[in-house]
Amino acid sequence: MSNTDSAVQDLLSYLDAAPSPYHAVQKAAEQLMAAGFTELQDTSSWTLSIASGRWFVRRGGALIAWQAPGQTGGWHNGVRIIGAHTDSPNLRVKPTADATAAGYNQVGVEVYGGVLNNSWLDRDLGVSGRLVLNSGESVLVRVDRPLARVAQLAVHLDREVNDKGLVLDKQLHLLPFVGLTGEIPHNFVSFVAREHNLDPDHVVAHDLMFHDLTPAATLGIDNEFVASARIDNLFSCWAAVAALLRSEPGQQGQIIALFDHEEVGSSSTTGAAGPLLERVLQRIFAAAFVDVDGQAVALARSSCVSSDMAHAVHPNYADRHEPQHRPLPNGGPVIKSNANQRYASTADTAALFANACAAAGVPSQFFVSKNSMPCGSTIGPITATRLGIDTVDIGCAMLSMHSARELCGSADASLMVRALTSYLAR
């Protein structure tokens, strides 16, 4: 595997461009507009022309894009949806950010999602997100220089750490420091505003989060892996956009839905449990003159791929995996199943995606959790329940899930795009 592979290089660029969900959506929007997609505002009326052509709409950290079917009345045939999420576990800046302790300036943070706490220790951190001004304008911000660190306690002061393990109190032990206290009071949000030539007095609120500054890179003797922050789940967002851009119009509408807030349950206006996708579909169907009965028929003919990351077998903890289901990086997309409906896959939808992989010449793998291990979930069951659309849960095999620095297979980049493109076209 050469690290000059164009798919891998494109993936690395996307990962580096998207330290926050808002930046992930901005990067996807730029790619879509460059390919001829037109942006809509969900606060304005949409014309009947949205039933043909290529369009997208974004709200906060979410984006939905679609390509109309290649034949008249094609929306009656239903849609093919690829769903993913833009958010990743991290440290988010609290509304009142400034704190001090023992002579240090610190930043108050709230742990977002299922963070591997120790993975955030001793890393050079930048900050990104958005500032909302008193004018109502939302401004993307990003400071990519070492600003903060969560320093681990020296082993000399924690002699049993290597034998009994590291236990971190999220309130006490995960506050980054950004400097030493002095005569001038520090104001972290004001600092971020000034870095972007904004008047701090105009900032009313913020959505800021810390990110690891280490760039995405290939890893391994033969560059078999990709190491980066936010692989879960920006890999899937990148692949969904790439697949839509590669796809020719088919018999069904082609949609990608990049949601926010999956890592905290998806219950928000921009999460999969919210009405965003449903309302977009309703507006498209209305523009295509598909009545209520026709919409029910179209949705019954539709399908959805919930694309999130999957657990690769860990070489040092192979006993934590179900013995007959041990996916490997670079083995192709993983079809995820759970009898208790933590994943939405059924035999029918698993076959649908496996056949799409086969048609593209892409291998596929299966994942089931070990009975003694709890199983996570995705947007798949939520989307299937909310819309009544047959759904399959799939993903790329990865290690270090929810770490500040994750790892997946480099060859899986092109394999996943080929598989998703095949799914959209079938």
Protein backbone atom coordinates (compact mmCIF):
# COMPACT_ATOMS: atom_id res chain seq x y z
CA MET A 1 0.00 0.00 0.00
CA SER A 2 1.61 3.24 -1.12
CA ASN A 3 1.01 6.37 0.89
CA THR A 4 0.64 8.20 -2.43
CA ASP A 5 -2.71 6.45 -3.02
CA SER A 6 -5.11 9.26 -3.98
CA ALA A 7 -7.98 8.00 -1.82
CA VAL A 8 -5.75 7.86 1.26
CA GLN A 9 -4.34 11.31 0.64
CA ASP A 10 -7.84 12.69 0.18
CA LEU A 11 -8.93 11.04 3.44
CA LEU A 12 -5.95 12.47 5.32
CA SER A 13 -6.77 15.95 4.01
CA TYR A 14 -10.39 15.64 5.12
CA LEU A 15 -9.44 14.46 8.60
CA ASP A 16 -7.04 17.37 9.04
CA ALA A 17 -9.58 19.87 7.71
CA ALA A 18 -12.28 18.87 10.18
CA PRO A 19 -11.30 19.33 13.85
CA SER A 20 -14.97 20.01 14.74
CA PRO A 21 -18.35 18.91 13.33
CA TYR A 22 -18.81 22.42 11.91
CA HIS A 23 -15.55 22.19 10.00
CA ALA A 24 -16.48 18.69 8.78
CA VAL A 25 -19.69 20.10 7.31
CA GLN A 26 -17.85 23.09 5.83
CA LYS A 27 -15.32 20.82 4.10
CA ALA A 28 -18.08 18.56 2.74
CA ALA A 29 -19.99 21.62 1.49
CA GLU A 30 -16.91 22.89 -0.33
CA GLN A 31 -16.46 19.52 -2.04
CA LEU A 32 -20.12 19.37 -3.06
CA MET A 33 -20.17 22.91 -4.44
CA ALA A 34 -16.99 22.25 -6.41
CA ALA A 35 -18.80 19.30 -8.03
CA GLY A 36 -21.84 21.38 -9.01
CA PHE A 37 -24.18 20.86 -6.06
CA THR A 38 -26.30 23.86 -5.07
CA GLU A 39 -26.82 24.85 -1.45
CA LEU A 40 -30.31 25.48 -0.06
CA GLN A 41 -31.32 27.25 3.15
CA ASP A 42 -33.73 25.32 5.32
CA THR A 43 -35.14 28.64 6.53
CA SER A 44 -36.37 29.51 3.00
CA SER A 45 -38.95 28.01 0.66
CA TRP A 46 -37.60 25.53 -1.86
CA THR A 47 -38.65 25.54 -5.49
CA LEU A 48 -39.97 22.57 -7.42
CA SER A 49 -36.58 22.27 -9.12
CA ILE A 50 -35.16 20.43 -6.09
CA ALA A 51 -36.78 17.26 -7.45
CA SER A 52 -34.10 17.24 -10.16
CA GLY A 53 -30.40 17.98 -10.09
CA ARG A 54 -27.98 18.02 -7.14
CA TRP A 55 -28.59 19.88 -3.89
CA PHE A 56 -27.57 20.07 -0.26
CA VAL A 57 -28.63 21.75 2.96
CA ARG A 58 -26.69 22.16 6.18
CA ARG A 59 -27.57 23.09 9.70
CA GLY A 60 -24.86 23.46 12.33
CA GLY A 61 -22.89 20.23 12.40
CA ALA A 62 -25.23 18.36 10.04
CA LEU A 63 -25.52 18.18 6.25
CA ILE A 64 -27.89 16.40 3.86
CA ALA A 65 -27.13 16.20 0.14
CA TRP A 66 -28.99 14.50 -2.68
CA GLN A 67 -28.86 13.65 -6.34
CA ALA A 68 -32.16 13.19 -8.14
CA PRO A 69 -33.00 9.96 -9.97
CA GLY A 70 -32.04 9.74 -13.60
CA GLN A 71 -35.59 9.28 -14.86
CA THR A 72 -38.89 11.15 -14.66
CA GLY A 73 -40.92 10.19 -11.61
CA GLY A 74 -37.94 8.40 -10.14
CA TRP A 75 -38.64 9.62 -6.60
CA HIS A 76 -41.63 7.24 -6.60
CA ASN A 77 -39.04 4.45 -6.70
CA GLY A 78 -37.66 5.50 -3.32
CA VAL A 79 -34.23 6.55 -2.11
CA ARG A 80 -30.87 5.12 -1.20
CA ILE A 81 -29.40 6.80 1.89
CA ILE A 82 -25.91 6.74 3.36
CA GLY A 83 -25.92 8.01 6.93
CA ALA A 84 -22.91 8.93 9.07
CA HIS A 85 -22.05 11.35 11.88
CA THR A 86 -19.73 14.32 12.13
CA ASP A 87 -19.06 14.38 15.88
CA SER A 88 -16.33 12.61 17.85
CA PRO A 89 -15.66 12.25 21.59
CA ASN A 90 -13.56 15.15 22.87
CA LEU A 91 -13.16 17.90 25.46
CA ARG A 92 -15.61 20.78 25.00
CA VAL A 93 -15.11 24.22 26.49
CA LYS A 94 -17.66 25.17 29.14
CA PRO A 95 -19.70 28.41 28.75
CA THR A 96 -17.72 30.07 31.54
CA ALA A 97 -14.33 28.81 30.48
CA ASP A 98 -11.75 30.42 32.73
CA ALA A 99 -10.35 28.74 35.83
CA THR A 100 -7.19 28.90 37.91
CA ALA A 101 -5.44 26.45 40.20
CA ALA A 102 -2.06 26.46 41.95
CA GLY A 103 -0.75 29.31 39.80
CA TYR A 104 -1.96 27.96 36.42
CA ASN A 105 -4.54 29.32 34.00
CA GLN A 106 -6.89 26.53 33.06
CA VAL A 107 -9.89 26.06 30.76
CA GLY A 108 -13.02 24.41 32.09
CA VAL A 109 -14.08 21.51 29.88
CA GLU A 110 -16.99 19.11 29.67
CA VAL A 111 -16.30 15.58 28.49
CA TYR A 112 -18.29 14.95 25.30
CA GLY A 113 -19.21 11.35 24.49
CA GLY A 114 -17.46 8.17 25.51
CA VAL A 115 -13.94 9.53 25.70
CA LEU A 116 -10.94 7.33 26.45
CA ASN A 117 -9.84 9.78 29.14
CA ASN A 118 -6.18 8.82 29.32
CA SER A 119 -5.70 9.30 25.57
CA TRP A 120 -6.00 13.08 26.05
CA LEU A 121 -3.05 13.27 28.42
CA ASP A 122 0.23 14.89 27.39
CA ARG A 123 -0.96 15.99 23.95
CA ASP A 124 -0.47 19.38 22.34
CA LEU A 125 -3.99 20.72 21.92
CA GLY A 126 -5.48 23.37 19.66
CA VAL A 127 -9.04 24.66 19.75
CA SER A 128 -11.79 24.83 17.13
CA GLY A 129 -15.53 25.27 16.72
CA ARG A 130 -17.63 28.40 16.32
CA LEU A 131 -18.33 31.74 17.95
CA VAL A 132 -21.80 33.29 17.81
CA LEU A 133 -21.81 37.09 17.65
CA ASN A 134 -24.38 39.58 18.87
CA SER A 135 -25.36 40.09 15.24
CA GLY A 136 -26.47 36.47 15.09
CA GLU A 137 -23.59 35.52 12.80
CA SER A 138 -21.86 32.19 13.49
CA VAL A 139 -18.12 32.27 12.76
CA LEU A 140 -15.97 29.18 12.31
CA VAL A 141 -12.79 29.39 14.36
CA ARG A 142 -9.66 27.30 14.61
CA VAL A 143 -6.34 27.83 16.36
CA ASP A 144 -3.80 25.27 15.18
CA ARG A 145 -0.90 25.91 17.49
CA PRO A 146 -0.11 24.30 20.85
CA LEU A 147 -2.36 26.14 23.30
CA ALA A 148 -3.18 23.64 25.99
CA ARG A 149 -2.16 20.41 27.67
CA VAL A 150 -3.66 17.98 30.15
CA ALA A 151 -0.51 16.88 31.94
CA GLN A 152 -0.29 13.44 33.51
CA LEU A 153 0.95 13.14 37.05
CA ALA A 154 4.59 11.98 37.21
CA VAL A 155 5.14 8.35 38.14
CA HIS A 156 7.19 9.52 41.12
CA LEU A 157 3.98 10.97 42.58
CA ASP A 158 1.78 8.02 41.62
CA ARG A 159 3.94 4.97 42.31
CA GLU A 160 1.16 2.41 41.80
CA VAL A 161 -0.13 3.73 38.48
CA ASN A 162 1.54 1.00 36.39
CA ASP A 163 0.29 -1.79 38.63
CA LYS A 164 -3.20 -0.63 39.57
CA GLY A 165 -4.06 1.47 36.55
CA LEU A 166 -4.83 5.11 35.97
CA VAL A 167 -8.12 6.46 37.27
CA LEU A 168 -9.04 10.00 36.18
CA ASP A 169 -11.71 12.18 37.74
CA LYS A 170 -13.29 14.00 34.78
CA GLN A 171 -13.91 17.13 36.84
CA LEU A 172 -10.51 17.34 38.52
CA HIS A 173 -7.99 15.68 36.24
CA LEU A 174 -8.98 16.61 32.67
CA LEU A 175 -8.74 20.40 32.83
CA PRO A 176 -6.17 21.66 30.32
CA PHE A 177 -3.86 24.48 31.34
CA VAL A 178 -3.04 27.28 28.93
CA GLY A 179 -0.52 29.33 30.89
CA LEU A 180 0.50 30.70 34.26
CA THR A 181 -1.54 33.18 36.24
CA GLY A 182 -0.34 36.77 36.09
CA GLU A 183 -1.53 40.30 36.66
CA ILE A 184 -3.62 40.34 33.45
CA PRO A 185 -6.74 38.14 33.90
CA HIS A 186 -6.93 35.55 31.17
CA ASN A 187 -10.08 35.14 29.10
CA PHE A 188 -9.87 32.15 26.82
CA VAL A 189 -12.87 32.90 24.60
CA SER A 190 -11.67 36.48 24.13
CA PHE A 191 -8.28 35.13 23.09
CA VAL A 192 -9.91 32.93 20.43
CA ALA A 193 -11.92 35.90 19.17
CA ARG A 194 -8.84 38.10 18.85
CA GLU A 195 -6.99 35.34 17.00
CA HIS A 196 -9.70 35.70 14.31
CA ASN A 197 -9.75 39.50 14.32
CA LEU A 198 -13.10 39.58 16.11
CA ASP A 199 -14.10 41.97 18.87
CA PRO A 200 -14.44 39.87 22.02
CA ASP A 201 -17.25 42.15 23.19
CA HIS A 202 -19.31 41.00 20.21
CA VAL A 203 -19.12 37.29 21.18
CA VAL A 204 -22.32 36.13 22.88
CA ALA A 205 -21.83 32.36 22.98
CA HIS A 206 -19.53 29.65 21.70
CA ASP A 207 -19.23 25.98 20.73
CA LEU A 208 -15.50 25.37 21.24
CA MET A 209 -13.62 22.11 21.62
CA PHE A 210 -10.02 21.00 21.92
CA HIS A 211 -8.33 18.86 19.29
CA ASP A 212 -5.03 17.00 19.04
CA LEU A 213 -2.64 18.84 16.74
CA THR A 214 -0.85 15.76 15.38
CA PRO A 215 -1.65 15.57 11.63
CA ALA A 216 -3.28 12.50 10.11
CA ALA A 217 -0.69 10.14 8.63
CA THR A 218 -0.13 6.67 7.25
CA LEU A 219 1.56 4.20 9.60
CA GLY A 220 3.28 0.84 9.35
CA ILE A 221 6.20 -0.64 7.44
CA ASP A 222 4.14 -0.69 4.26
CA ASN A 223 1.83 2.18 5.23
CA GLU A 224 -0.97 -0.30 5.93
CA PHE A 225 -2.71 1.98 8.42
CA VAL A 226 -4.10 5.48 8.83
CA ALA A 227 -3.49 7.11 12.22
CA SER A 228 -5.52 10.20 13.06
CA ALA A 229 -7.91 11.89 15.39
CA ARG A 230 -11.65 11.62 14.63
CA ILE A 231 -11.53 8.60 12.32
CA ASP A 232 -14.74 7.68 14.14
CA ASN A 233 -16.66 8.85 12.26
CA LEU A 234 -15.13 11.29 9.78
CA PHE A 235 -13.90 8.32 7.75
CA SER A 236 -17.55 7.50 6.99
CA CYS A 237 -18.45 11.13 6.27
CA TRP A 238 -15.56 11.40 3.83
CA ALA A 239 -16.49 8.12 2.14
CA ALA A 240 -20.17 9.09 1.87
CA VAL A 241 -19.32 12.39 0.14
CA ALA A 242 -16.82 10.67 -2.15
CA ALA A 243 -19.35 8.00 -3.13
CA LEU A 244 -22.06 10.56 -3.92
CA LEU A 245 -19.65 12.60 -6.03
CA ARG A 246 -18.68 9.48 -8.00
CA SER A 247 -22.24 8.27 -8.55
CA GLU A 248 -24.27 8.67 -11.71
CA PRO A 249 -28.01 9.23 -11.25
CA GLY A 250 -29.82 5.93 -10.75
CA GLN A 251 -33.38 4.67 -10.59
CA GLN A 252 -33.73 5.93 -7.02
CA GLY A 253 -32.80 9.18 -5.35
CA GLN A 254 -29.33 9.17 -3.78
CA ILE A 255 -28.92 10.86 -0.40
CA ILE A 256 -26.16 11.29 2.15
CA ALA A 257 -27.08 12.38 5.68
CA LEU A 258 -24.25 13.53 7.94
CA PHE A 259 -25.69 13.97 11.43
CA ASP A 260 -24.30 15.55 14.58
CA HIS A 261 -24.52 14.34 18.22
CA GLU A 262 -24.41 10.57 17.56
CA GLU A 263 -21.84 10.15 20.31
CA VAL A 264 -24.33 11.48 22.88
CA GLY A 265 -27.50 9.76 21.69
CA SER A 266 -28.54 11.68 18.53
CA SER A 267 -31.41 13.52 20.27
CA SER A 268 -31.08 17.04 18.87
CA THR A 269 -32.26 19.16 15.95
CA THR A 270 -29.19 18.04 14.00
CA GLY A 271 -29.04 14.46 15.28
CA ALA A 272 -30.48 11.35 13.65
CA ALA A 273 -33.29 11.23 16.21
CA GLY A 274 -34.38 14.73 15.15
CA PRO A 275 -36.66 15.59 12.20
CA LEU A 276 -34.05 17.01 9.80
CA LEU A 277 -33.83 14.12 7.32
CA GLU A 278 -37.56 13.41 7.49
CA ARG A 279 -38.42 17.02 6.66
CA VAL A 280 -35.94 17.14 3.78
CA LEU A 281 -37.51 13.99 2.35
CA GLN A 282 -40.99 15.47 2.71
CA ARG A 283 -39.94 18.61 0.85
CA ILE A 284 -38.32 16.61 -1.94
CA PHE A 285 -41.37 14.39 -2.32
CA ALA A 286 -43.66 17.44 -2.40
CA ALA A 287 -41.53 19.01 -5.14
CA ALA A 288 -41.73 15.74 -7.10
CA PHE A 289 -45.55 15.59 -6.68
CA VAL A 290 -45.40 12.39 -4.67
CA ASP A 291 -48.55 12.28 -2.52
CA VAL A 292 -48.87 10.77 0.96
CA ASP A 293 -49.68 7.29 -0.34
CA GLY A 294 -46.86 7.53 -2.86
CA GLN A 295 -44.44 8.57 -0.11
CA ALA A 296 -45.33 5.48 1.93
CA VAL A 297 -44.69 3.31 -1.12
CA ALA A 298 -41.42 5.11 -1.90
CA LEU A 299 -40.11 4.71 1.66
CA ALA A 300 -41.05 1.03 1.64
CA ARG A 301 -38.89 0.66 -1.49
CA SER A 302 -36.02 2.58 0.08
CA SER A 303 -32.95 1.49 2.01
CA CYS A 304 -30.31 3.06 4.22
CA VAL A 305 -26.67 2.29 4.96
CA SER A 306 -25.70 3.44 8.43
CA SER A 307 -21.95 3.88 8.05
CA ASP A 308 -20.05 4.04 11.33
CA MET A 309 -16.79 2.49 12.45
CA ALA A 310 -16.42 -1.15 13.50
CA HIS A 311 -14.16 -2.86 16.02
CA ALA A 312 -11.16 -4.58 14.46
CA VAL A 313 -9.83 -7.53 16.41
CA HIS A 314 -7.12 -6.32 18.80
CA PRO A 315 -3.93 -8.42 18.71
CA ASN A 316 -3.33 -7.95 22.44
CA TYR A 317 -6.94 -8.50 23.51
CA ALA A 318 -8.27 -11.06 21.04
CA ASP A 319 -10.25 -12.69 23.85
CA ARG A 320 -12.56 -9.65 23.96
CA HIS A 321 -13.91 -10.52 20.51
CA GLU A 322 -16.41 -13.12 19.32
CA PRO A 323 -14.20 -15.97 18.04
CA GLN A 324 -15.89 -16.33 14.64
CA HIS A 325 -16.19 -12.59 13.96
CA ARG A 326 -12.82 -10.88 14.08
CA PRO A 327 -12.62 -8.17 11.39
CA LEU A 328 -9.23 -6.90 10.30
CA PRO A 329 -8.14 -3.56 8.86
CA ASN A 330 -7.93 -3.60 5.05
CA GLY A 331 -10.37 -6.51 4.90
CA GLY A 332 -13.13 -4.39 3.41
CA PRO A 333 -16.34 -3.00 4.92
CA VAL A 334 -17.72 -4.71 8.02
CA ILE A 335 -21.42 -5.61 8.20
CA LYS A 336 -22.49 -5.26 11.83
CA SER A 337 -25.28 -7.34 13.37
CA ASN A 338 -26.92 -7.53 16.79
CA ALA A 339 -29.93 -9.69 17.64
CA ASN A 340 -31.01 -7.16 20.29
CA GLN A 341 -31.32 -4.40 17.67
CA ARG A 342 -28.36 -2.33 18.76
CA TYR A 343 -27.58 -2.46 15.03
CA ALA A 344 -30.34 -2.26 12.41
CA SER A 345 -29.00 -4.92 10.05
CA THR A 346 -31.33 -7.72 8.96
CA ALA A 347 -30.59 -10.71 6.74
CA ASP A 348 -32.17 -8.83 3.83
CA THR A 349 -30.20 -5.62 4.31
CA ALA A 350 -26.95 -7.46 5.05
CA ALA A 351 -27.39 -9.32 1.77
CA LEU A 352 -28.16 -6.06 -0.03
CA PHE A 353 -24.88 -4.51 1.05
CA ALA A 354 -22.83 -7.70 0.67
CA ASN A 355 -24.07 -7.93 -2.93
CA ALA A 356 -23.14 -4.28 -3.51
CA CYS A 357 -19.62 -5.04 -2.26
CA ALA A 358 -19.36 -8.12 -4.47
CA ALA A 359 -20.53 -6.17 -7.52
CA ALA A 360 -17.72 -3.69 -6.89
CA GLY A 361 -15.13 -6.42 -6.37
CA VAL A 362 -14.79 -5.42 -2.72
CA PRO A 363 -14.44 -7.99 0.11
CA SER A 364 -16.75 -7.71 3.11
CA GLN A 365 -16.57 -8.88 6.72
CA PHE A 366 -19.03 -9.47 9.57
CA PHE A 367 -19.02 -8.30 13.17
CA VAL A 368 -21.04 -9.56 16.13
CA SER A 369 -20.20 -8.70 19.73
CA LYS A 370 -19.11 -11.40 22.14
CA ASN A 371 -22.07 -12.36 24.34
CA SER A 372 -20.22 -11.28 27.48
CA MET A 373 -19.40 -7.84 26.05
CA PRO A 374 -21.93 -5.00 25.72
CA CYS A 375 -22.68 -3.76 22.22
CA GLY A 376 -22.64 -0.12 21.19
CA SER A 377 -25.15 1.40 18.81
CA THR A 378 -25.35 3.80 15.86
CA ILE A 379 -27.74 6.02 13.94
CA GLY A 380 -28.96 2.86 12.17
CA PRO A 381 -31.70 1.76 14.59
CA ILE A 382 -32.77 5.39 15.06
CA THR A 383 -33.13 6.04 11.33
CA ALA A 384 -34.88 2.71 10.76
CA THR A 385 -37.34 3.45 13.56
CA ARG A 386 -38.02 7.07 12.65
CA LEU A 387 -38.47 6.57 8.89
CA GLY A 388 -39.38 2.88 8.63
CA ILE A 389 -36.61 2.35 6.08
CA ASP A 390 -34.78 -0.97 5.84
CA THR A 391 -31.28 -0.30 7.17
CA VAL A 392 -27.93 -2.04 7.36
CA ASP A 393 -25.17 -1.07 9.79
CA ILE A 394 -21.69 -1.19 8.31
CA GLY A 395 -18.29 0.33 9.01
CA CYS A 396 -14.55 0.25 8.56
CA ALA A 397 -12.56 -1.92 10.98
CA MET A 398 -10.50 0.17 13.39
CA LEU A 399 -8.47 0.10 16.59
CA SER A 400 -8.28 2.65 19.44
CA MET A 401 -11.92 3.66 18.98
CA HIS A 402 -12.79 6.84 20.95
CA SER A 403 -9.13 7.57 21.60
CA ALA A 404 -7.76 11.01 20.84
CA ARG A 405 -5.69 9.16 18.24
CA GLU A 406 -7.37 6.30 16.31
CA LEU A 407 -6.25 3.83 13.64
CA CYS A 408 -7.76 2.09 10.61
CA GLY A 409 -6.58 0.38 7.43
CA SER A 410 -5.35 2.57 4.59
CA ALA A 411 -6.58 0.21 1.85
CA ASP A 412 -10.08 0.40 3.33
CA ALA A 413 -10.39 4.00 2.12
CA SER A 414 -10.78 3.09 -1.54
CA LEU A 415 -12.60 -0.17 -0.71
CA MET A 416 -15.30 1.67 1.26
CA VAL A 417 -15.82 4.32 -1.42
CA ARG A 418 -16.17 1.63 -4.09
CA ALA A 419 -18.65 -0.30 -1.96
CA LEU A 420 -20.80 2.75 -1.16
CA THR A 421 -20.74 3.89 -4.79
CA SER A 422 -21.93 0.43 -5.83
CA TYR A 423 -24.71 0.57 -3.24
CA LEU A 424 -25.97 3.94 -4.51
CA ALA A 425 -26.00 2.69 -8.10
CA ARG A 426 -27.81 -0.63 -7.57
